[in-house]
Amino acid sequence: MKIFKTSLFFFLLSFCSFAQPNQPTNYFDVVKNLEIFTDVFKQLDQLYVEESTPGNLVNTALSGMLASLDPYTVYYPESQIEDAMYLQTGRYGGVGARVSLVSGRNTVLEVFESFPAYKSGLRAGDIITHVNGKSIDGIDLDNLEDGLTGTPGSVVTLSVLQLGKPTATELVITRESIKTPAVPHFQLLENNVGYIKLDEFTPTASEDVKTSFNTLKGKGMEKLILDLRGNGGGLLNEAVNIVNFFVPKGTEITRTMGKVESWKHVYVAQYDPLDLTIPLVVLVDEMSASSSEIVSGGLQDLDRAVIVGVPSFGKGLVQQTVDLSYNAKMKVTVAKYYTPSGRCIQKLDYGNKTEGHATQIDTTKLRTFYTTHGRPVKDGSGIYPDVLIGPGQAKEILSLLQKNFAYFRFGIEFKKTHASIDSAGSFALSSKDYTDFVQFAKTNAKDFVPTWYSYIEKLEKELTNQNVVNPDLKEQLTKLQNGIADALESSLLQLQNEITPKIEAKIIEVYYFRSAAIKQSLTNDPLIRASQEVFQKNYSTILAGPANRENK
């Protein structure tokens, strides 16, 4: 008989220790349900017909419990501790590569300059088939206990299929402490406009922005674009520090409200600013979230920056990472944050779910707040840009192509026939190259726009299940599938101007590094053009606000 470890009860009981002694809590209900959980676990361990793994059962139970709250409250067992450490320190133990499943195979999307993966010869487009002798085809490396991440100094052996090599290469890589730059790229654009791309709010984010800012100022920068597109957030204090660079000392930047008293806090600018007058544009998109929205929302509310782009994600929640027993950790939502005007921009209501899904706040019930200069802003809907640059009707296609690695896969194919290319900022895709991309995308249409085929595939499966044999119907379905591929081809030909810069940037990234890809993308970025126009035409007018406002 397997031995049940009663220490599980005390491990679970540790979840209750975060409540303050004076906080009203139904302790009987907590203890009762923990005891039921322990009893169920014990009975499964002793009676279930198949051999079970206690750790997997607990991980599944904890993950399910936390997922019922919100997607940001997450349990990290000891095997995933590197993920939790990255949240706290901005560092993790690993090889310095970004890998994802592409067509069911673990494909290297990016290697980080100067880290072990790059030094070992690993490159974008390589396919990792084995880790430490174990086949990983179809396995997400994030779910592999002994994968690319691990303790610095430990060794991992990879079997890799590399471009241009007929057989697999074995790479023995020693993991290191990996720290990717929070600011992967900054440069001075035309008209003395500085540009800073901020990827995430790690512990060095504000210092990286400060260093970039001072460097650009030394080169003659007179205006600044801060790019927060795709930035999913990070440390709250780093967001506060970055806003502090542009507002007077003592200015309220954000405030948090939570159940625990220590999370009822007002954050103000504690330091002397870098520059109170430099014209500032902040770029946001639908993936700009959390700390990105603290920065963009704070600067918008204080009328210190013009926000350009599309509405942001709408995450007004704050998480804290806490230590658990046996080297495990948990990231838990502890508070909501509010911008200087008093609004909370949280878009989804996780406290009131419908059929297990969070509900979006009714747009008719959104409240209006006002910036320092009296401009109206809304709560409950992310940060709405002052200058809206919509993606247009092509949003679905562009999103599907990006999500399903169309640009990346074409970049790998391109590299197979082009030994070298021009440097970032000078590279240009030819008309023939774009035609090749269109045909590549059409040939692989099921991979790149799978939702377009989903209903046909469901119908085909249902016909098979019902043993329906109808050659004419099958022929019609085939024609319909071919018609979808033709429709994709037609759409891509119409979207050449929008898609070409995305392909160019991805090809540059395949040959070089992400910083080079960002530099390439700036040569034809509609939001950069819009920002330049804002600086030239109506920056002051946008921030001035209405001359008179009712109900002030």
Protein backbone atom coordinates (compact mmCIF):
# COMPACT_ATOMS: atom_id res chain seq x y z
CA MET A 1 0.00 0.00 0.00
CA LYS A 2 1.26 3.45 -0.85
CA ILE A 3 2.03 5.71 2.08
CA PHE A 4 -0.02 8.91 2.20
CA LYS A 5 1.94 11.93 3.33
CA THR A 6 -0.11 13.76 5.94
CA SER A 7 2.13 16.79 5.55
CA LEU A 8 -0.04 17.65 2.51
CA PHE A 9 -2.65 18.98 4.92
CA PHE A 10 -0.20 21.41 6.44
CA PHE A 11 1.06 22.36 2.99
CA LEU A 12 -2.47 23.32 1.96
CA LEU A 13 -3.17 24.99 5.28
CA SER A 14 -0.32 27.41 4.53
CA PHE A 15 -2.66 29.09 2.03
CA CYS A 16 -4.67 30.40 4.96
CA SER A 17 -1.72 32.13 6.61
CA PHE A 18 -1.90 35.23 4.43
CA ALA A 19 -5.05 36.58 6.09
CA GLN A 20 -4.42 39.19 8.73
CA PRO A 21 -5.36 38.17 12.30
CA ASN A 22 -7.97 40.94 12.47
CA GLN A 23 -9.42 40.11 9.05
CA PRO A 24 -12.90 38.45 9.27
CA THR A 25 -12.58 34.96 7.75
CA ASN A 26 -14.78 31.87 7.91
CA TYR A 27 -12.09 29.63 9.38
CA PHE A 28 -14.49 26.73 9.99
CA ASP A 29 -15.44 26.64 6.30
CA VAL A 30 -11.76 26.79 5.30
CA VAL A 31 -10.68 23.98 7.62
CA LYS A 32 -13.72 21.83 6.71
CA ASN A 33 -13.00 22.01 3.00
CA LEU A 34 -9.28 21.42 3.47
CA GLU A 35 -10.12 18.31 5.46
CA ILE A 36 -12.44 17.10 2.68
CA PHE A 37 -9.70 17.71 0.11
CA THR A 38 -7.21 15.77 2.23
CA ASP A 39 -9.63 12.88 2.62
CA VAL A 40 -10.31 12.72 -1.14
CA PHE A 41 -6.60 12.79 -1.88
CA LYS A 42 -5.94 10.00 0.64
CA GLN A 43 -8.69 7.78 -0.76
CA LEU A 44 -7.47 8.28 -4.33
CA ASP A 45 -3.92 7.48 -3.28
CA GLN A 46 -5.02 4.23 -1.65
CA LEU A 47 -7.88 3.03 -3.86
CA TYR A 48 -7.59 4.33 -7.43
CA VAL A 49 -7.06 1.40 -9.78
CA GLU A 50 -4.19 2.96 -11.75
CA GLU A 51 -0.92 4.19 -10.28
CA SER A 52 -1.20 7.93 -9.66
CA THR A 53 1.44 10.58 -9.10
CA PRO A 54 0.68 12.62 -5.97
CA GLY A 55 2.51 15.68 -7.26
CA ASN A 56 0.52 15.74 -10.50
CA LEU A 57 -2.77 15.37 -8.63
CA VAL A 58 -1.96 18.26 -6.32
CA ASN A 59 -0.68 20.47 -9.15
CA THR A 60 -3.87 19.83 -11.12
CA ALA A 61 -6.07 20.55 -8.10
CA LEU A 62 -4.24 23.76 -7.21
CA SER A 63 -4.16 24.99 -10.80
CA GLY A 64 -7.88 24.37 -11.17
CA MET A 65 -8.66 26.13 -7.90
CA LEU A 66 -6.65 29.21 -8.81
CA ALA A 67 -7.96 29.27 -12.38
CA SER A 68 -11.47 29.63 -10.96
CA LEU A 69 -10.41 33.04 -9.61
CA ASP A 70 -8.56 34.80 -12.43
CA PRO A 71 -5.83 33.91 -14.96
CA TYR A 72 -3.20 35.87 -13.03
CA THR A 73 -3.31 33.90 -9.77
CA VAL A 74 -0.92 31.02 -10.48
CA TYR A 75 0.80 28.22 -8.55
CA TYR A 76 4.47 27.46 -9.30
CA PRO A 77 5.74 24.08 -8.09
CA GLU A 78 9.46 23.72 -7.45
CA SER A 79 9.94 22.35 -10.98
CA GLN A 80 8.75 25.70 -12.42
CA ILE A 81 10.53 27.91 -9.95
CA GLU A 82 12.52 29.67 -12.70
CA ASP A 83 9.26 31.15 -14.03
CA ALA A 84 8.42 32.55 -10.60
CA MET A 85 11.95 33.87 -10.07
CA TYR A 86 11.76 35.75 -13.35
CA LEU A 87 8.69 37.61 -12.11
CA GLN A 88 10.59 38.78 -9.02
CA THR A 89 14.09 39.39 -10.36
CA GLY A 90 13.89 39.66 -14.13
CA ARG A 91 16.39 36.79 -14.29
CA TYR A 92 16.07 33.06 -14.80
CA GLY A 93 18.38 30.11 -15.26
CA GLY A 94 18.44 28.88 -18.83
CA VAL A 95 20.18 28.86 -22.20
CA GLY A 96 18.90 32.17 -23.58
CA ALA A 97 16.51 31.11 -26.34
CA ARG A 98 12.81 31.42 -27.07
CA VAL A 99 11.24 28.19 -28.30
CA SER A 100 7.68 27.35 -29.31
CA LEU A 101 5.76 24.55 -30.96
CA VAL A 102 5.55 25.28 -34.68
CA SER A 103 3.69 22.61 -36.62
CA GLY A 104 4.13 20.28 -33.63
CA ARG A 105 7.92 20.66 -33.37
CA ASN A 106 9.94 22.68 -30.87
CA THR A 107 11.34 25.43 -33.06
CA VAL A 108 13.78 28.13 -31.98
CA LEU A 109 12.08 31.47 -32.56
CA GLU A 110 14.84 33.64 -31.17
CA VAL A 111 18.26 33.39 -29.52
CA PHE A 112 19.56 36.11 -27.24
CA GLU A 113 22.88 37.66 -28.09
CA SER A 114 25.89 36.72 -25.94
CA PHE A 115 24.08 33.95 -24.03
CA PRO A 116 24.85 30.19 -24.06
CA ALA A 117 22.39 29.18 -26.80
CA TYR A 118 23.90 31.65 -29.27
CA LYS A 119 27.47 30.81 -28.31
CA SER A 120 26.75 27.10 -28.76
CA GLY A 121 25.55 27.65 -32.34
CA LEU A 122 21.78 27.49 -31.82
CA ARG A 123 19.94 29.74 -34.28
CA ALA A 124 16.40 30.84 -35.14
CA GLY A 125 14.69 28.16 -37.20
CA ASP A 126 16.55 25.25 -35.61
CA ILE A 127 14.33 22.38 -34.48
CA ILE A 128 15.06 20.77 -31.11
CA THR A 129 14.18 17.06 -31.31
CA HIS A 130 15.64 15.73 -28.03
CA VAL A 131 16.49 17.16 -24.61
CA ASN A 132 18.95 15.06 -22.60
CA GLY A 133 18.25 12.13 -24.91
CA LYS A 134 14.46 12.34 -24.55
CA SER A 135 12.30 12.95 -27.62
CA ILE A 136 10.22 16.11 -27.25
CA ASP A 137 8.27 16.14 -30.52
CA GLY A 138 4.82 17.52 -29.78
CA ILE A 139 5.73 18.35 -26.17
CA ASP A 140 5.55 21.96 -25.00
CA LEU A 141 8.93 22.69 -23.41
CA ASP A 142 7.19 24.81 -20.76
CA ASN A 143 5.72 21.54 -19.43
CA LEU A 144 9.04 19.70 -19.41
CA GLU A 145 10.60 19.54 -15.95
CA ASP A 146 14.19 19.28 -17.20
CA GLY A 147 14.03 21.51 -20.27
CA LEU A 148 15.88 24.62 -21.34
CA THR A 149 15.44 26.38 -18.01
CA GLY A 150 17.21 25.23 -14.88
CA THR A 151 19.80 26.09 -12.28
CA PRO A 152 22.68 28.24 -13.63
CA GLY A 153 25.74 26.02 -14.04
CA SER A 154 23.73 22.90 -14.86
CA VAL A 155 24.14 21.27 -18.26
CA VAL A 156 21.54 20.38 -20.87
CA THR A 157 22.16 18.37 -24.04
CA LEU A 158 20.10 19.18 -27.13
CA SER A 159 19.70 17.28 -30.39
CA VAL A 160 19.02 19.89 -33.05
CA LEU A 161 18.09 19.88 -36.73
CA GLN A 162 19.82 22.93 -38.18
CA LEU A 163 19.34 24.67 -41.51
CA GLY A 164 21.59 23.27 -44.22
CA LYS A 165 22.72 20.23 -42.21
CA PRO A 166 21.50 16.74 -43.20
CA THR A 167 21.80 15.18 -39.77
CA ALA A 168 21.05 16.26 -36.22
CA THR A 169 23.67 18.20 -34.28
CA GLU A 170 24.25 17.59 -30.59
CA LEU A 171 24.79 20.73 -28.52
CA VAL A 172 25.93 20.59 -24.91
CA ILE A 173 24.97 23.87 -23.24
CA THR A 174 25.71 25.10 -19.74
CA ARG A 175 22.82 27.12 -18.38
CA GLU A 176 23.49 30.64 -17.13
CA SER A 177 21.58 33.37 -15.34
CA ILE A 178 19.64 35.01 -18.19
CA LYS A 179 18.64 38.65 -18.11
CA THR A 180 17.19 40.08 -21.30
CA PRO A 181 17.21 43.87 -21.62
CA ALA A 182 14.01 45.65 -20.65
CA VAL A 183 14.86 48.15 -23.41
CA PRO A 184 15.88 46.07 -26.45
CA HIS A 185 16.27 49.12 -28.70
CA PHE A 186 16.39 52.90 -28.70
CA GLN A 187 17.44 55.37 -31.36
CA LEU A 188 17.13 58.94 -32.58
CA LEU A 189 14.63 59.29 -35.42
CA GLU A 190 14.16 62.16 -37.83
CA ASN A 191 13.13 65.57 -36.51
CA ASN A 192 15.18 64.89 -33.35
CA VAL A 193 12.51 62.53 -32.06
CA GLY A 194 13.83 59.93 -29.66
CA TYR A 195 12.43 56.40 -29.59
CA ILE A 196 12.57 53.95 -26.67
CA LYS A 197 11.09 50.46 -26.87
CA LEU A 198 10.25 49.05 -23.42
CA ASP A 199 9.50 45.32 -23.45
CA GLU A 200 8.67 44.63 -19.81
CA PHE A 201 8.78 46.10 -16.33
CA THR A 202 11.61 44.06 -14.81
CA PRO A 203 13.65 45.30 -11.80
CA THR A 204 15.97 47.29 -14.11
CA ALA A 205 13.27 48.74 -16.40
CA SER A 206 13.32 52.29 -15.05
CA GLU A 207 17.12 52.41 -15.00
CA ASP A 208 17.24 51.11 -18.58
CA VAL A 209 14.75 53.76 -19.69
CA LYS A 210 16.72 56.44 -17.83
CA THR A 211 19.99 55.40 -19.47
CA SER A 212 18.37 55.33 -22.91
CA PHE A 213 16.74 58.72 -22.31
CA ASN A 214 20.00 60.38 -21.24
CA THR A 215 21.86 58.88 -24.21
CA LEU A 216 19.26 60.20 -26.64
CA LYS A 217 19.22 63.59 -24.91
CA GLY A 218 22.96 63.76 -25.44
CA LYS A 219 22.41 63.16 -29.16
CA GLY A 220 20.02 66.10 -29.45
CA MET A 221 16.63 64.54 -28.68
CA GLU A 222 13.87 67.16 -28.44
CA LYS A 223 10.78 64.90 -28.36
CA LEU A 224 10.25 61.30 -27.20
CA ILE A 225 8.21 58.27 -28.25
CA LEU A 226 7.90 55.60 -25.54
CA ASP A 227 6.75 52.35 -27.15
CA LEU A 228 4.74 50.06 -24.82
CA ARG A 229 3.16 47.94 -27.54
CA GLY A 230 3.13 44.28 -26.62
CA ASN A 231 4.32 45.06 -23.08
CA GLY A 232 2.28 42.89 -20.75
CA GLY A 233 3.49 44.60 -17.58
CA GLY A 234 5.64 43.62 -14.61
CA LEU A 235 6.67 45.40 -11.44
CA LEU A 236 4.41 48.21 -10.25
CA ASN A 237 7.27 50.19 -8.68
CA GLU A 238 9.10 50.30 -12.00
CA ALA A 239 6.02 51.77 -13.67
CA VAL A 240 5.78 54.41 -10.94
CA ASN A 241 9.47 55.28 -11.39
CA ILE A 242 9.07 55.74 -15.15
CA VAL A 243 6.11 58.10 -14.76
CA ASN A 244 8.19 59.92 -12.14
CA PHE A 245 10.73 60.79 -14.87
CA PHE A 246 8.22 63.17 -16.43
CA VAL A 247 6.12 64.60 -13.57
CA PRO A 248 6.96 66.78 -10.56
CA LYS A 249 8.12 65.21 -7.33
CA GLY A 250 5.15 64.55 -5.02
CA THR A 251 2.64 63.95 -7.85
CA GLU A 252 0.23 61.06 -7.27
CA ILE A 253 0.85 58.41 -9.93
CA THR A 254 -1.40 55.55 -8.88
CA ARG A 255 -3.08 54.04 -5.86
CA THR A 256 -3.94 50.45 -4.96
CA MET A 257 -6.86 49.03 -2.99
CA GLY A 258 -6.91 45.47 -1.66
CA LYS A 259 -8.33 43.36 1.16
CA VAL A 260 -5.08 43.54 3.15
CA GLU A 261 -4.33 46.93 4.68
CA SER A 262 -0.77 47.05 3.33
CA TRP A 263 -2.14 47.10 -0.23
CA LYS A 264 -4.18 50.25 0.41
CA HIS A 265 -1.44 52.53 -0.74
CA VAL A 266 -0.88 55.77 -2.66
CA TYR A 267 2.18 55.89 -4.91
CA VAL A 268 3.66 59.33 -5.54
CA ALA A 269 6.67 60.57 -7.46
CA GLN A 270 9.51 60.35 -4.93
CA TYR A 271 12.38 61.70 -7.01
CA ASP A 272 13.28 64.75 -9.05
CA PRO A 273 12.10 64.25 -12.67
CA LEU A 274 14.34 63.85 -15.69
CA ASP A 275 12.37 66.29 -17.87
CA LEU A 276 9.07 68.09 -17.24
CA THR A 277 8.69 69.72 -20.64
CA ILE A 278 9.85 67.35 -23.35
CA PRO A 279 6.89 66.47 -25.63
CA LEU A 280 6.01 62.82 -25.06
CA VAL A 281 3.99 60.24 -27.02
CA VAL A 282 3.23 56.79 -25.62
CA LEU A 283 2.36 53.95 -28.01
CA VAL A 284 -0.06 51.24 -26.85
CA ASP A 285 -1.87 48.29 -28.39
CA GLU A 286 -4.26 45.55 -27.29
CA MET A 287 -1.39 43.69 -25.58
CA SER A 288 -0.24 46.66 -23.49
CA ALA A 289 -1.35 45.65 -20.01
CA SER A 290 -0.97 46.21 -16.27
CA SER A 291 2.17 48.28 -15.61
CA SER A 292 2.01 49.53 -19.21
CA GLU A 293 -1.43 50.87 -18.41
CA ILE A 294 -0.22 52.43 -15.17
CA VAL A 295 2.35 54.38 -17.20
CA SER A 296 0.11 55.27 -20.14
CA GLY A 297 -2.92 55.93 -17.92
CA GLY A 298 -0.96 58.01 -15.44
CA LEU A 299 0.67 60.16 -18.11
CA GLN A 300 -2.69 60.56 -19.86
CA ASP A 301 -4.53 61.56 -16.68
CA LEU A 302 -1.81 64.07 -15.82
CA ASP A 303 -1.91 65.47 -19.38
CA ARG A 304 1.79 64.74 -19.66
CA ALA A 305 1.69 62.57 -22.80
CA VAL A 306 -0.42 61.91 -25.87
CA ILE A 307 -1.42 58.24 -26.16
CA VAL A 308 -1.34 56.82 -29.70
CA GLY A 309 -2.48 53.39 -30.91
CA VAL A 310 -5.43 51.12 -30.15
CA PRO A 311 -7.20 50.56 -26.80
CA SER A 312 -5.01 48.70 -24.33
CA PHE A 313 -5.69 45.32 -22.73
CA GLY A 314 -7.58 46.50 -19.65
CA LYS A 315 -5.82 44.83 -16.69
CA GLY A 316 -6.30 46.87 -13.54
CA LEU A 317 -5.14 44.15 -11.15
CA VAL A 318 -1.94 43.86 -9.10
CA GLN A 319 -0.20 40.58 -8.24
CA GLN A 320 2.29 39.64 -5.54
CA THR A 321 4.52 36.55 -5.50
CA VAL A 322 4.54 34.70 -2.17
CA ASP A 323 6.62 31.79 -0.87
CA LEU A 324 4.98 28.43 -0.09
CA SER A 325 6.21 25.21 1.44
CA TYR A 326 8.74 22.96 -0.31
CA ASN A 327 10.21 25.76 -2.47
CA ALA A 328 6.90 26.36 -4.24
CA LYS A 329 5.55 29.85 -4.95
CA MET A 330 2.26 31.46 -5.82
CA LYS A 331 1.46 34.63 -7.71
CA VAL A 332 -1.77 36.01 -6.29
CA THR A 333 -3.96 38.98 -7.20
CA VAL A 334 -3.90 41.25 -4.15
CA ALA A 335 -5.29 44.61 -5.29
CA LYS A 336 -6.78 46.81 -7.97
CA TYR A 337 -4.97 49.95 -9.06
CA TYR A 338 -6.40 53.36 -9.91
CA THR A 339 -4.96 56.05 -12.15
CA PRO A 340 -4.56 59.66 -10.93
CA SER A 341 -8.06 60.63 -12.09
CA GLY A 342 -9.52 57.87 -9.92
CA ARG A 343 -10.46 55.34 -12.59
CA CYS A 344 -9.83 51.60 -12.56
CA ILE A 345 -9.31 50.39 -16.11
CA GLN A 346 -10.00 46.67 -15.39
CA LYS A 347 -12.08 45.39 -18.30
CA LEU A 348 -13.21 41.94 -17.08
CA ASP A 349 -15.12 41.25 -13.88
CA TYR A 350 -13.75 38.03 -12.38
CA GLY A 351 -15.95 38.38 -9.31
CA ASN A 352 -19.15 37.92 -11.33
CA LYS A 353 -18.76 35.11 -13.83
CA THR A 354 -21.30 33.71 -16.25
CA GLU A 355 -20.99 29.97 -16.93
CA GLY A 356 -17.45 30.09 -15.57
CA HIS A 357 -16.34 33.01 -17.72
CA ALA A 358 -15.54 36.52 -16.54
CA THR A 359 -17.99 39.13 -17.78
CA GLN A 360 -16.99 42.33 -19.53
CA ILE A 361 -18.15 45.49 -17.84
CA ASP A 362 -21.24 46.92 -19.54
CA THR A 363 -20.04 49.82 -21.68
CA THR A 364 -23.20 51.75 -20.87
CA LYS A 365 -22.20 51.71 -17.21
CA LEU A 366 -18.68 53.02 -17.68
CA ARG A 367 -18.01 56.09 -15.58
CA THR A 368 -16.38 59.27 -16.81
CA PHE A 369 -13.38 60.80 -15.07
CA TYR A 370 -11.34 63.87 -16.00
CA THR A 371 -7.67 64.54 -16.60
CA THR A 372 -5.80 67.45 -15.02
CA HIS A 373 -6.86 69.69 -17.92
CA GLY A 374 -10.45 68.46 -17.92
CA ARG A 375 -10.35 65.90 -20.72
CA PRO A 376 -12.89 63.08 -20.23
CA VAL A 377 -11.55 59.54 -19.78
CA LYS A 378 -13.45 56.31 -19.04
CA ASP A 379 -12.92 53.51 -16.53
CA GLY A 380 -13.41 49.77 -17.12
CA SER A 381 -12.10 49.65 -20.67
CA GLY A 382 -8.32 49.85 -20.70
CA ILE A 383 -6.54 52.99 -21.84
CA TYR A 384 -8.29 54.55 -24.82
CA PRO A 385 -5.79 56.41 -27.03
CA ASP A 386 -5.98 60.15 -27.62
CA VAL A 387 -5.10 59.37 -31.25
CA LEU A 388 -6.71 56.13 -32.41
CA ILE A 389 -4.90 54.25 -35.17
CA GLY A 390 -7.21 51.33 -35.86
CA PRO A 391 -6.10 48.07 -37.47
CA GLY A 392 -9.01 48.20 -39.90
CA GLN A 393 -10.85 45.22 -41.35
CA ALA A 394 -7.58 43.32 -41.88
CA LYS A 395 -7.10 42.81 -38.13
CA GLU A 396 -8.28 39.18 -38.15
CA ILE A 397 -6.01 38.14 -41.00
CA LEU A 398 -2.96 39.93 -39.60
CA SER A 399 -3.58 38.45 -36.16
CA LEU A 400 -3.91 34.91 -37.51
CA LEU A 401 -0.76 35.21 -39.62
CA GLN A 402 1.21 36.46 -36.61
CA LYS A 403 -0.23 33.93 -34.16
CA ASN A 404 0.42 30.98 -36.45
CA PHE A 405 4.02 31.93 -37.33
CA ALA A 406 3.42 32.75 -41.01
CA TYR A 407 6.03 35.53 -41.08
CA PHE A 408 8.53 33.48 -39.10
CA ARG A 409 8.15 30.36 -41.24
CA PHE A 410 8.54 32.39 -44.42
CA GLY A 411 11.63 34.03 -42.90
CA ILE A 412 13.16 30.59 -42.38
CA GLU A 413 12.34 29.61 -45.97
CA PHE A 414 13.82 32.89 -47.16
CA LYS A 415 17.06 32.22 -45.31
CA LYS A 416 17.45 28.86 -47.03
CA THR A 417 17.93 30.63 -50.37
CA HIS A 418 19.60 33.87 -49.23
CA ALA A 419 22.98 33.50 -47.56
CA SER A 420 23.03 37.15 -46.49
CA ILE A 421 20.85 40.26 -46.57
CA ASP A 422 21.22 44.01 -46.05
CA SER A 423 21.44 45.36 -42.53
CA ALA A 424 18.47 46.55 -40.48
CA GLY A 425 17.02 49.79 -41.80
CA SER A 426 18.35 49.11 -45.30
CA PHE A 427 16.73 45.76 -46.06
CA ALA A 428 13.72 45.80 -48.40
CA LEU A 429 11.50 42.99 -49.61
CA SER A 430 11.21 42.84 -53.40
CA SER A 431 7.93 42.44 -55.26
CA LYS A 432 8.98 38.90 -56.20
CA ASP A 433 9.72 38.14 -52.55
CA TYR A 434 6.22 39.23 -51.58
CA THR A 435 4.70 37.13 -54.35
CA ASP A 436 6.65 34.19 -52.98
CA PHE A 437 5.20 34.90 -49.52
CA VAL A 438 1.65 34.97 -50.89
CA GLN A 439 2.13 31.60 -52.57
CA PHE A 440 3.78 30.20 -49.42
CA ALA A 441 0.86 31.37 -47.30
CA LYS A 442 -1.68 30.01 -49.80
CA THR A 443 0.01 26.60 -49.85
CA ASN A 444 -0.04 26.49 -46.03
CA ALA A 445 -3.38 28.22 -45.59
CA LYS A 446 -4.71 25.59 -43.18
CA ASP A 447 -1.78 26.30 -40.86
CA PHE A 448 -2.00 30.08 -41.00
CA VAL A 449 -5.77 30.73 -41.01
CA PRO A 450 -7.12 27.55 -39.40
CA THR A 451 -10.33 29.16 -38.15
CA TRP A 452 -11.37 29.73 -41.74
CA TYR A 453 -11.34 25.96 -42.28
CA SER A 454 -12.76 24.93 -38.91
CA TYR A 455 -16.42 24.64 -39.98
CA ILE A 456 -15.55 22.60 -43.05
CA GLU A 457 -13.43 20.25 -40.97
CA LYS A 458 -16.25 19.85 -38.42
CA LEU A 459 -18.66 18.99 -41.24
CA GLU A 460 -16.22 16.48 -42.72
CA LYS A 461 -15.78 14.83 -39.33
CA GLU A 462 -19.52 14.66 -38.78
CA LEU A 463 -20.05 13.09 -42.20
CA THR A 464 -17.40 10.49 -41.40
CA ASN A 465 -19.00 9.73 -38.03
CA GLN A 466 -22.38 9.30 -39.73
CA ASN A 467 -20.84 7.09 -42.45
CA VAL A 468 -22.13 9.44 -45.13
CA VAL A 469 -20.47 8.71 -48.48
CA ASN A 470 -21.33 11.33 -51.07
CA PRO A 471 -18.70 12.02 -53.77
CA ASP A 472 -20.51 15.13 -54.98
CA LEU A 473 -20.58 16.60 -51.46
CA LYS A 474 -16.91 15.77 -50.94
CA GLU A 475 -16.07 17.50 -54.20
CA GLN A 476 -17.99 20.59 -53.11
CA LEU A 477 -16.14 20.69 -49.80
CA THR A 478 -12.82 20.43 -51.63
CA LYS A 479 -13.83 23.33 -53.87
CA LEU A 480 -14.79 25.31 -50.80
CA GLN A 481 -11.39 24.66 -49.23
CA ASN A 482 -9.67 25.74 -52.42
CA GLY A 483 -11.88 28.82 -52.45
CA ILE A 484 -10.67 29.75 -48.97
CA ALA A 485 -7.04 29.51 -50.12
CA ASP A 486 -7.88 31.70 -53.12
CA ALA A 487 -9.60 34.21 -50.83
CA LEU A 488 -6.50 34.32 -48.63
CA GLU A 489 -4.34 34.94 -51.68
CA SER A 490 -6.59 37.80 -52.79
CA SER A 491 -6.55 39.36 -49.31
CA LEU A 492 -2.77 39.16 -49.04
CA LEU A 493 -2.33 40.86 -52.40
CA GLN A 494 -4.56 43.72 -51.19
CA LEU A 495 -2.69 43.97 -47.88
CA GLN A 496 0.81 44.11 -49.34
CA ASN A 497 1.59 47.55 -47.88
CA GLU A 498 0.57 46.45 -44.38
CA ILE A 499 2.18 43.03 -44.40
CA THR A 500 5.49 43.81 -46.11
CA PRO A 501 7.00 45.66 -43.09
CA LYS A 502 6.05 42.73 -40.82
CA ILE A 503 7.78 40.23 -43.09
CA GLU A 504 10.86 42.47 -43.37
CA ALA A 505 11.15 42.79 -39.59
CA LYS A 506 10.78 39.04 -39.07
CA ILE A 507 13.38 38.23 -41.71
CA ILE A 508 15.80 40.66 -40.06
CA GLU A 509 15.15 38.96 -36.71
CA VAL A 510 15.87 35.53 -38.22
CA TYR A 511 19.25 36.74 -39.50
CA TYR A 512 20.20 39.04 -36.64
CA PHE A 513 18.56 39.87 -33.29
CA ARG A 514 15.36 41.42 -32.04
CA SER A 515 16.90 44.88 -31.63
CA ALA A 516 17.69 44.83 -35.36
CA ALA A 517 14.11 43.76 -36.12
CA ILE A 518 12.75 46.72 -34.15
CA LYS A 519 15.06 49.08 -36.03
CA GLN A 520 13.84 47.64 -39.33
CA SER A 521 10.17 47.97 -38.34
CA LEU A 522 10.59 51.68 -37.56
CA THR A 523 11.29 52.44 -41.21
CA ASN A 524 7.62 51.94 -42.11
CA ASP A 525 5.60 52.00 -38.88
CA PRO A 526 2.19 53.76 -39.13
CA LEU A 527 2.21 54.62 -35.41
CA ILE A 528 5.63 56.25 -35.71
CA ARG A 529 4.32 58.31 -38.63
CA ALA A 530 1.23 59.24 -36.62
CA SER A 531 3.41 60.25 -33.65
CA GLN A 532 5.55 62.47 -35.84
CA GLU A 533 2.38 64.16 -37.13
CA VAL A 534 1.14 64.68 -33.57
CA PHE A 535 4.40 66.42 -32.63
CA GLN A 536 4.25 68.61 -35.71
CA LYS A 537 0.56 69.53 -35.75
CA ASN A 538 -1.55 69.15 -32.61
CA TYR A 539 0.40 67.90 -29.58
CA SER A 540 -0.39 70.93 -27.42
CA THR A 541 -3.98 71.14 -28.64
CA ILE A 542 -4.73 67.53 -27.66
CA LEU A 543 -3.39 68.00 -24.13
CA ALA A 544 -4.96 71.42 -23.57
CA GLY A 545 -8.40 69.96 -22.89
CA PRO A 546 -11.73 71.76 -23.30
CA ALA A 547 -11.81 75.48 -22.59
CA ASN A 548 -14.94 74.98 -20.49
CA ARG A 549 -16.33 71.78 -19.03
CA GLU A 550 -19.80 71.25 -17.62
CA ASN A 551 -20.20 69.94 -14.10
CA LYS A 552 -16.65 70.73 -13.22
